[in-house]
Amino acid sequence: MFSKLEERLLDRLFDDLESGKLILPTLPEVALRVRETLENANAGMAQVAKVITTDTALSARLIQIANSPLLRAARNIDSVEAAITRMGGTMTRNLVTSIAMEQMFQATSDVTDKQLRDTWQHSIQVAAISHALCKQFTNLKPDEALLAGLVHDIGVLPIISRAEDIPELLVNEKMLLNIIEKAHPAVGEAILKKWNFAPQLVAVASEHENITRDHNGPADYVDLVIVANLESHAGNSHKLHNIDFNTVPAFGKLGLDPEVNLIDVAGETIEAAKVAFG
């Protein structure tokens, strides 16, 4: 049940989202340039590497991930071009987007800084679980699953930014969390549409909280993230911890027994992804 103040703030937020007044984050420039270069049929990995090496921190992270247990390679590499050759164009694009996103998780107050840090750490956890589930239980693309997990809560960013201008939210963390919970799927959908993400990833942002979601056909990225999101709260005090997994259709789509501990069946893969991003 929302208070009158929460209802007013939510109404204003949704009105601004609908009218285009809500300021949505812009995809970092380096991620845009990498995407454009990869879409150029005449560009090779050398040109992609040239774009990436303009960002020293990004270059180092990509080499780190290329050498991490996530890719299970026998030989270490020490150049950006070798890293992206190992990963391929799609994975490079998705990882650059993911790593660049981390730079967007910044705040100016203690309350919002904590919330942003918590959101990013949760996103890493969900991404790692999504990646592991994808590899072991679906025919979907693991690097797309990783990106799906990392962007599923992207709608939190503008809400946090808005909260920094509303004193009532900065002194009432519970109210802030209530508003985030209610609004972030719609805001996330708007952001990923603005960034020209594929429809299946836009759906992840908008539908990952819909744990009763069911559909025809095989498992999709929304199913992966729904299960990963639920599993990420195992053992904590989040309200999703009390959900009966047997009532969640996504488990059936993945062919997962809700009673089985995922750490037992996919723990090594989950840890490899967490190490790569953590």
Protein backbone atom coordinates (compact mmCIF):
# COMPACT_ATOMS: atom_id res chain seq x y z
CA MET A 1 0.00 0.00 0.00
CA PHE A 2 1.45 3.35 -1.05
CA SER A 3 1.22 6.55 0.94
CA LYS A 4 -0.34 9.66 -0.61
CA LEU A 5 3.11 11.20 -1.06
CA GLU A 6 4.36 8.05 -2.81
CA GLU A 7 1.32 8.07 -5.09
CA ARG A 8 1.94 11.73 -6.00
CA LEU A 9 5.61 11.11 -6.72
CA LEU A 10 4.83 8.03 -8.81
CA ASP A 11 2.13 9.88 -10.76
CA ARG A 12 4.57 12.69 -11.49
CA LEU A 13 7.29 10.23 -12.51
CA PHE A 14 5.02 8.33 -14.90
CA ASP A 15 3.62 11.58 -16.33
CA ASP A 16 7.14 12.82 -17.04
CA LEU A 17 8.08 9.47 -18.57
CA GLU A 18 5.02 9.56 -20.83
CA SER A 19 5.58 13.17 -21.90
CA GLY A 20 9.32 12.77 -22.47
CA LYS A 21 10.27 15.11 -19.62
CA LEU A 22 12.03 12.42 -17.62
CA ILE A 23 15.74 12.62 -18.43
CA LEU A 24 16.89 9.18 -19.57
CA PRO A 25 20.59 8.29 -19.54
CA THR A 26 22.53 8.25 -22.81
CA LEU A 27 24.52 5.17 -23.75
CA PRO A 28 28.20 6.03 -23.17
CA GLU A 29 29.97 7.31 -26.29
CA VAL A 30 32.54 4.53 -26.44
CA ALA A 31 29.77 1.90 -26.46
CA LEU A 32 28.01 3.74 -29.30
CA ARG A 33 31.22 3.96 -31.33
CA VAL A 34 31.99 0.27 -30.83
CA ARG A 35 28.46 -0.63 -31.90
CA GLU A 36 28.71 1.56 -35.02
CA THR A 37 32.11 0.13 -35.95
CA LEU A 38 30.94 -3.45 -35.57
CA GLU A 39 27.90 -2.69 -37.74
CA ASN A 40 30.21 -1.42 -40.51
CA ALA A 41 30.74 -4.35 -42.86
CA ASN A 42 34.06 -2.86 -44.00
CA ALA A 43 35.52 -2.56 -40.51
CA GLY A 44 37.66 -5.29 -38.99
CA MET A 45 38.71 -6.11 -35.45
CA ALA A 46 41.67 -3.74 -35.76
CA GLN A 47 39.30 -0.79 -36.18
CA VAL A 48 37.17 -1.97 -33.26
CA ALA A 49 40.29 -2.28 -31.13
CA LYS A 50 41.34 1.25 -32.10
CA VAL A 51 38.05 2.61 -30.76
CA ILE A 52 38.31 0.65 -27.53
CA THR A 53 41.92 1.65 -26.82
CA THR A 54 40.83 5.30 -26.53
CA ASP A 55 39.52 4.24 -23.10
CA THR A 56 42.35 2.84 -20.98
CA ALA A 57 40.14 1.48 -18.20
CA LEU A 58 37.82 -0.23 -20.69
CA SER A 59 40.77 -1.77 -22.53
CA ALA A 60 42.16 -3.22 -19.31
CA ARG A 61 38.79 -4.67 -18.28
CA LEU A 62 38.27 -6.36 -21.66
CA ILE A 63 41.72 -7.98 -21.51
CA GLN A 64 40.99 -9.07 -17.93
CA ILE A 65 37.69 -10.67 -18.97
CA ALA A 66 39.26 -12.31 -22.03
CA ASN A 67 41.77 -13.96 -19.68
CA SER A 68 39.23 -14.85 -16.99
CA PRO A 69 37.71 -18.29 -16.26
CA LEU A 70 34.56 -16.98 -17.97
CA LEU A 71 36.12 -17.82 -21.36
CA ARG A 72 38.25 -20.75 -20.17
CA ALA A 73 41.16 -20.02 -22.52
CA ALA A 74 44.48 -21.80 -22.09
CA ARG A 75 46.71 -18.93 -23.21
CA ASN A 76 46.84 -15.43 -21.72
CA ILE A 77 46.65 -12.46 -24.06
CA ASP A 78 47.81 -8.89 -23.56
CA SER A 79 46.28 -6.80 -26.36
CA VAL A 80 42.81 -5.42 -27.01
CA GLU A 81 42.74 -6.78 -30.55
CA ALA A 82 43.56 -10.29 -29.33
CA ALA A 83 40.89 -9.96 -26.63
CA ILE A 84 38.12 -8.98 -29.02
CA THR A 85 39.22 -11.60 -31.55
CA ARG A 86 38.86 -14.22 -28.82
CA MET A 87 35.44 -12.91 -27.75
CA GLY A 88 33.96 -12.15 -31.18
CA GLY A 89 31.95 -9.13 -32.28
CA THR A 90 28.69 -9.78 -30.43
CA MET A 91 30.29 -10.53 -27.10
CA THR A 92 32.64 -7.54 -27.48
CA ARG A 93 29.72 -5.22 -28.16
CA ASN A 94 27.77 -6.53 -25.19
CA LEU A 95 30.72 -6.43 -22.79
CA VAL A 96 31.68 -2.89 -23.83
CA THR A 97 28.09 -1.80 -23.22
CA SER A 98 28.03 -3.55 -19.84
CA ILE A 99 31.37 -2.17 -18.65
CA ALA A 100 30.53 1.36 -19.84
CA MET A 101 27.25 1.15 -17.94
CA GLU A 102 29.10 0.71 -14.67
CA GLN A 103 30.44 4.25 -15.07
CA MET A 104 26.85 5.50 -15.05
CA PHE A 105 26.19 4.20 -11.54
CA GLN A 106 27.25 7.36 -9.72
CA ALA A 107 25.47 9.53 -7.18
CA THR A 108 25.97 12.66 -5.10
CA SER A 109 24.43 11.64 -1.76
CA ASP A 110 25.11 8.77 0.64
CA VAL A 111 21.57 7.41 0.29
CA THR A 112 21.54 7.31 -3.50
CA ASP A 113 25.16 6.15 -3.69
CA LYS A 114 24.31 3.14 -1.52
CA GLN A 115 21.28 2.35 -3.65
CA LEU A 116 23.25 2.57 -6.89
CA ARG A 117 26.05 0.38 -5.54
CA ASP A 118 23.52 -2.20 -4.33
CA THR A 119 21.79 -2.13 -7.71
CA TRP A 120 25.02 -2.68 -9.64
CA GLN A 121 26.14 -5.55 -7.38
CA HIS A 122 22.71 -7.14 -7.72
CA SER A 123 22.90 -6.74 -11.51
CA ILE A 124 26.28 -8.52 -11.56
CA GLN A 125 24.80 -11.38 -9.52
CA VAL A 126 21.77 -11.72 -11.80
CA ALA A 127 23.98 -11.49 -14.90
CA ALA A 128 26.26 -14.25 -13.62
CA ILE A 129 23.35 -16.57 -12.84
CA SER A 130 21.66 -15.78 -16.18
CA HIS A 131 24.88 -16.57 -18.04
CA ALA A 132 25.28 -19.90 -16.23
CA LEU A 133 21.66 -20.94 -16.73
CA CYS A 134 21.83 -20.01 -20.40
CA LYS A 135 24.90 -22.17 -21.02
CA GLN A 136 23.53 -25.22 -19.24
CA PHE A 137 19.78 -25.16 -19.87
CA THR A 138 19.02 -23.27 -23.12
CA ASN A 139 20.08 -22.75 -26.73
CA LEU A 140 20.18 -18.97 -26.22
CA LYS A 141 23.38 -16.91 -26.40
CA PRO A 142 25.28 -16.75 -23.08
CA ASP A 143 26.76 -13.30 -23.74
CA GLU A 144 23.28 -11.94 -24.48
CA ALA A 145 22.07 -13.51 -21.24
CA LEU A 146 24.92 -11.80 -19.41
CA LEU A 147 23.92 -8.43 -20.88
CA ALA A 148 20.25 -9.12 -20.07
CA GLY A 149 21.13 -9.59 -16.42
CA LEU A 150 23.25 -6.47 -16.31
CA VAL A 151 20.57 -4.21 -17.84
CA HIS A 152 17.47 -5.67 -16.19
CA ASP A 153 17.42 -2.94 -13.49
CA ILE A 154 18.68 -0.09 -15.70
CA GLY A 155 15.42 1.76 -14.98
CA VAL A 156 16.68 2.46 -11.46
CA LEU A 157 19.14 5.10 -12.75
CA PRO A 158 16.75 7.96 -13.64
CA ILE A 159 14.69 7.30 -10.52
CA ILE A 160 17.79 7.68 -8.35
CA SER A 161 18.70 10.83 -10.25
CA ARG A 162 15.22 12.23 -9.61
CA ALA A 163 15.40 11.25 -5.93
CA GLU A 164 18.46 13.45 -5.42
CA ASP A 165 16.20 16.49 -5.93
CA ILE A 166 13.44 15.29 -3.57
CA PRO A 167 14.37 15.66 0.13
CA GLU A 168 11.53 13.37 1.27
CA LEU A 169 13.13 10.45 -0.59
CA LEU A 170 16.62 11.11 0.69
CA VAL A 171 15.44 10.79 4.29
CA ASN A 172 13.09 7.85 3.71
CA GLU A 173 14.87 4.88 2.13
CA LYS A 174 11.77 2.67 2.35
CA MET A 175 9.77 5.16 0.31
CA LEU A 176 12.55 5.37 -2.26
CA LEU A 177 12.66 1.58 -2.56
CA ASN A 178 8.87 1.43 -2.98
CA ILE A 179 9.00 3.91 -5.84
CA ILE A 180 11.91 2.10 -7.50
CA GLU A 181 10.08 -1.21 -7.23
CA LYS A 182 6.94 0.19 -8.85
CA ALA A 183 8.48 2.33 -11.58
CA HIS A 184 11.79 0.84 -12.70
CA PRO A 185 10.44 -1.72 -15.22
CA ALA A 186 8.64 0.95 -17.28
CA VAL A 187 11.57 3.35 -17.05
CA GLY A 188 14.00 0.57 -18.01
CA GLU A 189 11.88 -0.29 -21.04
CA ALA A 190 12.04 3.34 -22.18
CA ILE A 191 15.82 3.48 -21.74
CA LEU A 192 16.55 0.33 -23.73
CA LYS A 193 14.20 1.45 -26.51
CA LYS A 194 16.08 4.76 -26.63
CA TRP A 195 19.35 2.82 -26.86
CA ASN A 196 17.94 0.74 -29.77
CA PHE A 197 18.33 -2.54 -27.92
CA ALA A 198 16.79 -5.67 -29.43
CA PRO A 199 13.14 -6.32 -28.46
CA GLN A 200 14.05 -9.43 -26.43
CA LEU A 201 16.27 -7.32 -24.16
CA VAL A 202 13.75 -4.49 -23.92
CA ALA A 203 11.30 -7.15 -22.70
CA VAL A 204 13.76 -8.15 -19.97
CA ALA A 205 13.71 -4.63 -18.51
CA SER A 206 9.91 -4.37 -18.68
CA GLU A 207 8.86 -7.88 -17.64
CA HIS A 208 11.47 -9.32 -15.27
CA GLU A 209 9.35 -8.55 -12.19
CA ASN A 210 6.35 -10.41 -13.65
CA ILE A 211 7.07 -13.75 -12.01
CA THR A 212 3.75 -15.28 -13.17
CA ARG A 213 4.63 -14.55 -16.81
CA ASP A 214 3.97 -17.48 -19.14
CA HIS A 215 4.20 -17.80 -22.91
CA ASN A 216 4.28 -20.27 -25.76
CA GLY A 217 7.54 -21.61 -27.10
CA PRO A 218 10.96 -22.22 -25.55
CA ALA A 219 12.64 -20.28 -22.76
CA ASP A 220 13.69 -16.72 -23.55
CA TYR A 221 15.90 -14.10 -21.88
CA VAL A 222 13.05 -12.89 -19.68
CA ASP A 223 12.67 -16.41 -18.26
CA LEU A 224 16.40 -16.54 -17.56
CA VAL A 225 16.38 -13.23 -15.71
CA ILE A 226 13.22 -14.01 -13.76
CA VAL A 227 14.81 -17.20 -12.41
CA ALA A 228 18.19 -15.53 -11.86
CA ASN A 229 16.56 -12.63 -10.04
CA LEU A 230 14.69 -14.99 -7.72
CA GLU A 231 17.77 -17.11 -7.10
CA SER A 232 19.85 -14.02 -6.34
CA HIS A 233 17.66 -13.33 -3.30
CA ALA A 234 18.01 -16.80 -1.82
CA GLY A 235 18.87 -16.46 1.84
CA ASN A 236 18.31 -12.74 2.17
CA SER A 237 15.43 -10.64 3.49
CA HIS A 238 14.03 -9.50 0.14
CA LYS A 239 10.32 -10.16 -0.34
CA LEU A 240 11.05 -12.43 -3.33
CA HIS A 241 12.82 -14.83 -0.96
CA ASN A 242 9.39 -16.07 0.16
CA ILE A 243 8.10 -16.88 -3.33
CA ASP A 244 7.20 -20.52 -3.98
CA PHE A 245 9.34 -21.30 -7.02
CA ASN A 246 6.92 -24.07 -8.02
CA THR A 247 4.43 -21.34 -8.97
CA VAL A 248 6.88 -19.57 -11.33
CA PRO A 249 6.44 -20.73 -14.98
CA ALA A 250 9.98 -19.64 -15.92
CA PHE A 251 11.47 -22.57 -13.98
CA GLY A 252 9.46 -24.97 -16.10
CA LYS A 253 10.53 -23.21 -19.29
CA LEU A 254 14.15 -23.79 -18.34
CA GLY A 255 13.49 -27.38 -17.34
CA LEU A 256 14.67 -26.59 -13.83
CA ASP A 257 13.54 -28.33 -10.68
CA PRO A 258 12.67 -25.44 -8.32
CA GLU A 259 13.88 -27.54 -5.39
CA VAL A 260 17.42 -27.97 -6.77
CA ASN A 261 20.13 -25.63 -5.47
CA LEU A 262 21.56 -23.79 -8.48
CA ILE A 263 24.94 -23.47 -6.80
CA ASP A 264 25.17 -27.26 -6.90
CA VAL A 265 24.53 -27.47 -10.65
CA ALA A 266 25.99 -24.21 -11.97
CA GLY A 267 28.08 -22.74 -9.17
CA GLU A 268 31.40 -22.83 -11.05
CA THR A 269 30.00 -20.98 -14.05
CA ILE A 270 28.27 -18.42 -11.84
CA GLU A 271 31.48 -17.71 -9.94
CA ALA A 272 33.45 -17.33 -13.19
CA ALA A 273 31.07 -14.63 -14.40
CA LYS A 274 31.09 -12.86 -11.02
CA VAL A 275 34.88 -12.83 -10.95
CA ALA A 276 35.01 -11.40 -14.46
CA PHE A 277 32.76 -8.48 -13.56
CA GLY A 278 33.36 -8.14 -9.84
